[in-house]
C-alpha cells in the first residue's frame, strides 16, 4: 500500500522496523516482512483516519442537536440510526437497543474503510487480511460475552449441546467448531470480496483510464455498501442466536 499521507509515513518510521523484525523472527523472509509491515501500518493509518472522522462526525451531531432545525449531519445520523435500528429490531428482537451502538459502528467503520479504495493509489484496508480478522475477532468475543451475560455460563453452554441430551457428546464439539468457523467466515467474506473489487477496478483503470472505469467505481461503491451491510447483518444474527432463550 503506498504511503500516501503523513500519518502512514510516521507510523512506518516509528514502528515499521519493530513490526518487520517481529515478522522476520517468526519465520517470514526479511524483504517480505518489511513489505508486510509497511502494508499493515499503512492500513492502520487509514483506519485511524476513519476513526477520527467518525468521532468528529459524532461530536458534530451531538453539539448541534436541534429539534426545530436539524442540520444535514443530524439528519444523516437519524437516518442511519433509524435504518439500522429497524433492522436490528427485526433480527435481534426485544432488547436490540443495547447492541445498536456496536452494530452501527461496525457498519460505518467497514463501509468507510471499504470506500477508501476509491482514492487513487490507495488500497482499502479491508483488502488486507489482518483488517477483516481484526473486526471478526471482537465481534466473536462481543456476541459470546453477551450470550453468557444474558443466560449465564450453564445456560449459554446448553446452546452448544443441542436439544437432545444423549447426543450432546457429538453436538457440542461440532457447535464449538461451527462458532469458531464464524471468525473465518466473517474474515474471508469481507477480505475476498473487497480484494476482488479493488483488483477489478485497478485492472480496468490500467487498461482504459477514462470512461469505462467510472462504471467500476460505481460497482466498488455498491460492493462496499453490500459487504458492510452483510458484516453488520451477520453480527446481528450471531447476537440474536446468542441471547435467545429456549422455550
Protein backbone atom coordinates (compact mmCIF):
# COMPACT_ATOMS: atom_id res chain seq x y z
CA UNK A 1 0.00 0.00 0.00
CA UNK A 2 1.57 3.30 -0.99
CA UNK A 3 2.48 5.70 1.76
CA UNK A 4 0.23 8.49 0.56
CA UNK A 5 -0.15 10.60 3.69
CA UNK A 6 1.94 11.83 6.57
CA UNK A 7 0.35 9.58 9.20
CA UNK A 8 1.26 6.47 7.23
CA UNK A 9 4.85 7.65 6.85
CA UNK A 10 5.05 8.46 10.55
CA UNK A 11 3.73 5.05 11.62
CA UNK A 12 6.14 3.26 9.33
CA UNK A 13 9.00 5.40 10.59
CA UNK A 14 8.20 4.68 14.24
CA UNK A 15 7.01 1.08 14.16
CA UNK A 16 7.95 -0.34 10.75
CA UNK A 17 11.29 -1.71 11.88
CA UNK A 18 9.85 -3.25 15.05
CA UNK A 19 6.99 -4.95 13.20
CA UNK A 20 9.26 -6.15 10.39
CA UNK A 21 11.68 -7.61 12.95
CA UNK A 22 8.82 -9.39 14.70
CA UNK A 23 7.54 -10.89 11.45
CA UNK A 24 11.06 -11.93 10.50
CA UNK A 25 11.50 -13.54 13.91
CA UNK A 26 8.52 -15.84 13.30
CA UNK A 27 9.95 -17.11 10.01
CA UNK A 28 8.97 -14.56 7.36
CA UNK A 29 11.78 -13.60 4.93
CA UNK A 30 13.28 -10.19 5.68
CA UNK A 31 12.16 -8.50 2.45
CA UNK A 32 8.65 -9.93 2.73
CA UNK A 33 8.48 -8.93 6.41
CA UNK A 34 9.40 -5.32 5.58
CA UNK A 35 6.77 -5.19 2.82
CA UNK A 36 4.10 -6.71 5.06
CA UNK A 37 4.94 -4.32 7.90
CA UNK A 38 4.55 -1.34 5.57
CA UNK A 39 1.18 -2.63 4.33
CA UNK A 40 -0.13 -3.28 7.84
CA UNK A 41 0.91 0.10 9.20
CA UNK A 42 -0.39 1.95 6.15
CA UNK A 43 -3.75 0.20 6.58
CA UNK A 44 -3.69 1.05 10.28
CA UNK A 45 -3.06 4.69 9.42
CA UNK A 46 -6.15 4.72 7.19
CA UNK A 47 -8.18 3.08 9.92
CA UNK A 48 -7.09 5.75 12.38
CA UNK A 49 -8.24 8.43 9.96
CA UNK A 50 -11.60 6.69 9.57
CA UNK A 51 -11.99 6.51 13.35
CA UNK A 52 -11.05 10.18 13.71
CA UNK A 53 -13.58 11.09 11.03
CA UNK A 54 -16.35 9.12 12.72
CA UNK A 55 -15.58 10.65 16.12
CA UNK A 56 -15.61 14.14 14.59
CA UNK A 57 -18.95 13.39 12.92
CA UNK A 58 -20.50 12.10 16.15
CA UNK A 59 -19.23 15.14 18.07
CA UNK A 60 -20.63 17.48 15.41
CA UNK A 61 -24.03 15.78 15.62
CA UNK A 62 -24.01 15.85 19.42
CA UNK A 63 -23.14 19.54 19.83
CA UNK A 64 -25.53 20.69 17.10
CA UNK A 65 -28.63 18.70 18.05
CA UNK A 66 -31.80 20.61 17.32
CA UNK A 67 -35.44 19.56 17.39
CA UNK A 68 -36.68 22.51 15.36
CA UNK A 69 -33.88 22.93 12.82
CA UNK A 70 -31.85 19.71 12.43
CA UNK A 71 -28.76 20.25 10.30
CA UNK A 72 -27.72 17.85 7.48
CA UNK A 73 -25.32 15.93 9.78
CA UNK A 74 -28.10 15.30 12.29
CA UNK A 75 -30.48 14.21 9.53
CA UNK A 76 -27.92 11.74 8.18
CA UNK A 77 -27.28 10.40 11.70
CA UNK A 78 -31.01 9.98 12.32
CA UNK A 79 -31.48 8.15 9.02
CA UNK A 80 -28.65 5.76 9.83
CA UNK A 81 -29.93 5.25 13.38
CA UNK A 82 -33.47 4.51 12.26
CA UNK A 83 -32.44 2.21 9.41
CA UNK A 84 -30.05 0.14 11.50
CA UNK A 85 -32.41 0.20 14.49
CA UNK A 86 -35.25 -1.13 12.35
CA UNK A 87 -33.02 -3.90 11.00
CA UNK A 88 -31.79 -4.79 14.49
CA UNK A 89 -35.36 -4.91 15.80
CA UNK A 90 -36.30 -7.40 13.09
CA UNK A 91 -33.24 -9.62 13.55
CA UNK A 92 -32.44 -9.42 17.27
CA UNK A 93 -35.86 -8.51 18.59
CA UNK A 94 -36.57 -7.33 22.13
CA UNK A 95 -33.63 -5.57 23.76
CA UNK A 96 -31.85 -4.78 20.50
CA UNK A 97 -31.14 -1.22 21.69
CA UNK A 98 -28.16 -2.25 23.81
CA UNK A 99 -26.45 -3.72 20.74
CA UNK A 100 -27.30 -0.96 18.29
CA UNK A 101 -24.25 1.19 19.02
CA UNK A 102 -21.88 -1.69 18.28
CA UNK A 103 -23.53 -2.83 15.04
CA UNK A 104 -23.82 0.78 13.84
CA UNK A 105 -20.12 1.41 14.44
CA UNK A 106 -19.24 -1.87 12.72
CA UNK A 107 -21.31 -0.90 9.69
CA UNK A 108 -19.88 2.62 9.38
CA UNK A 109 -16.31 1.55 10.07
CA UNK A 110 -16.38 -1.26 7.49
CA UNK A 111 -18.14 0.93 4.92
CA UNK A 112 -15.74 3.85 5.19
CA UNK A 113 -12.69 1.58 5.13
CA UNK A 114 -14.07 -0.10 2.03
CA UNK A 115 -14.66 3.26 0.33
CA UNK A 116 -11.07 4.41 0.84
CA UNK A 117 -10.27 2.15 -2.08
CA UNK A 118 -11.83 4.82 -4.32
CA UNK A 119 -8.89 7.14 -3.60
CA UNK A 120 -6.33 6.83 -6.43
CA UNK A 121 -3.22 4.97 -5.32
CA UNK A 122 -4.81 3.70 -2.10
CA UNK A 123 -5.90 0.16 -1.33
CA UNK A 124 -8.81 -0.24 1.05
CA UNK A 125 -7.60 -1.55 4.44
CA UNK A 126 -10.17 -4.35 4.18
CA UNK A 127 -8.19 -5.81 1.25
CA UNK A 128 -5.52 -6.71 3.81
CA UNK A 129 -6.44 -9.97 5.59
CA UNK A 130 -5.50 -8.81 9.08
CA UNK A 131 -8.07 -5.99 8.99
CA UNK A 132 -11.19 -8.16 8.47
CA UNK A 133 -9.72 -10.58 11.02
CA UNK A 134 -9.31 -7.68 13.45
CA UNK A 135 -13.03 -6.94 13.02
CA UNK A 136 -14.17 -10.57 13.19
CA UNK A 137 -12.40 -11.36 16.48
CA UNK A 138 -14.02 -8.61 18.61
CA UNK A 139 -17.38 -9.42 17.03
CA UNK A 140 -16.92 -13.07 18.04
CA UNK A 141 -16.00 -12.04 21.60
CA UNK A 142 -18.83 -9.49 21.73
CA UNK A 143 -21.69 -11.84 20.94
CA UNK A 144 -20.33 -14.65 23.11
CA UNK A 145 -19.87 -12.24 26.01
CA UNK A 146 -23.46 -11.07 25.75
CA UNK A 147 -24.68 -14.64 25.36
CA UNK A 148 -23.02 -15.56 28.66
CA UNK A 149 -24.14 -12.33 30.28
CA UNK A 150 -27.75 -12.89 29.23
CA UNK A 151 -28.04 -16.59 30.07
CA UNK A 152 -25.19 -17.42 32.40
CA UNK A 153 -22.38 -19.86 31.68
CA UNK A 154 -24.51 -23.00 32.11
CA UNK A 155 -27.46 -21.66 30.18
CA UNK A 156 -25.26 -20.49 27.31
CA UNK A 157 -23.40 -23.80 27.22
CA UNK A 158 -26.72 -25.58 26.66
CA UNK A 159 -26.92 -23.87 23.27
CA UNK A 160 -23.88 -25.88 22.24
CA UNK A 161 -25.27 -29.18 23.49
CA UNK A 162 -28.32 -29.30 21.24
CA UNK A 163 -31.93 -30.21 22.10
CA UNK A 164 -31.30 -33.97 22.58
CA UNK A 165 -29.33 -34.60 25.74
CA UNK A 166 -27.96 -38.01 24.75
CA UNK A 167 -26.50 -36.51 21.57
CA UNK A 168 -24.71 -33.72 23.43
CA UNK A 169 -21.35 -35.53 23.29
CA UNK A 170 -21.48 -35.29 19.49
CA UNK A 171 -23.24 -31.95 19.01
CA UNK A 172 -21.12 -29.98 21.47
CA UNK A 173 -17.75 -30.23 19.63
CA UNK A 174 -19.50 -29.66 16.29
CA UNK A 175 -21.08 -26.46 17.63
CA UNK A 176 -17.74 -25.27 19.02
CA UNK A 177 -16.08 -25.74 15.63
CA UNK A 178 -19.07 -24.08 13.94
CA UNK A 179 -18.76 -21.00 16.17
CA UNK A 180 -15.01 -20.76 15.60
CA UNK A 181 -15.63 -21.02 11.86
CA UNK A 182 -17.67 -17.82 12.10
CA UNK A 183 -14.41 -15.93 12.60
CA UNK A 184 -13.09 -17.33 9.33
CA UNK A 185 -16.42 -16.73 7.60
CA UNK A 186 -16.57 -13.04 8.57
CA UNK A 187 -12.91 -12.55 7.71
CA UNK A 188 -12.74 -14.31 4.36
CA UNK A 189 -16.07 -12.99 3.06
CA UNK A 190 -15.10 -9.36 3.60
CA UNK A 191 -11.47 -9.78 2.54
CA UNK A 192 -12.15 -11.78 -0.63
CA UNK A 193 -14.93 -9.52 -1.92
CA UNK A 194 -13.05 -6.27 -1.29
CA UNK A 195 -9.78 -7.64 -2.65
CA UNK A 196 -11.54 -8.77 -5.83
CA UNK A 197 -13.36 -5.43 -6.16
CA UNK A 198 -10.15 -3.44 -5.78
CA UNK A 199 -8.35 -5.68 -8.27
CA UNK A 200 -11.07 -5.34 -10.92
CA UNK A 201 -11.12 -1.56 -10.55
CA UNK A 202 -7.31 -1.37 -10.79
CA UNK A 203 -7.21 -3.58 -13.89
CA UNK A 204 -9.79 -1.54 -15.78
CA UNK A 205 -8.16 1.76 -14.82
CA UNK A 206 -4.87 0.38 -16.16
CA UNK A 207 -6.48 -0.69 -19.45
CA UNK A 208 -8.87 2.23 -20.05
CA UNK A 209 -8.05 5.28 -17.88
CA UNK A 210 -11.15 7.27 -18.85
CA UNK A 211 -14.84 6.46 -19.20
CA UNK A 212 -15.44 2.76 -18.60
CA UNK A 213 -13.64 2.63 -15.19
CA UNK A 214 -16.27 5.04 -13.82
CA UNK A 215 -18.73 2.16 -14.03
CA UNK A 216 -16.44 0.05 -11.91
CA UNK A 217 -16.05 2.85 -9.38
CA UNK A 218 -19.84 2.72 -9.01
CA UNK A 219 -19.60 -1.05 -8.68
CA UNK A 220 -16.94 -0.61 -5.99
CA UNK A 221 -19.27 1.67 -4.03
CA UNK A 222 -22.07 -0.88 -4.35
CA UNK A 223 -19.84 -3.78 -3.24
CA UNK A 224 -18.51 -1.69 -0.33
CA UNK A 225 -22.04 -0.98 0.86
CA UNK A 226 -23.21 -4.57 0.49
CA UNK A 227 -20.20 -6.02 2.31
CA UNK A 228 -20.60 -3.56 5.20
CA UNK A 229 -24.29 -4.46 5.41
CA UNK A 230 -23.58 -8.21 5.31
CA UNK A 231 -20.96 -7.93 8.05
CA UNK A 232 -23.41 -5.97 10.20
CA UNK A 233 -26.27 -8.38 9.44
CA UNK A 234 -24.22 -11.44 10.37
CA UNK A 235 -23.23 -9.72 13.60
CA UNK A 236 -26.92 -9.17 14.37
CA UNK A 237 -27.76 -12.79 13.58
CA UNK A 238 -25.00 -14.11 15.83
CA UNK A 239 -26.19 -11.80 18.61
CA UNK A 240 -29.80 -12.92 18.20
CA UNK A 241 -28.76 -16.58 18.46
CA UNK A 242 -26.52 -15.91 21.46
CA UNK A 243 -29.10 -14.07 23.57
CA UNK A 244 -32.14 -16.13 22.56
CA UNK A 245 -33.79 -18.13 25.32
CA UNK A 246 -35.00 -21.62 24.56
CA UNK A 247 -38.64 -22.27 25.36
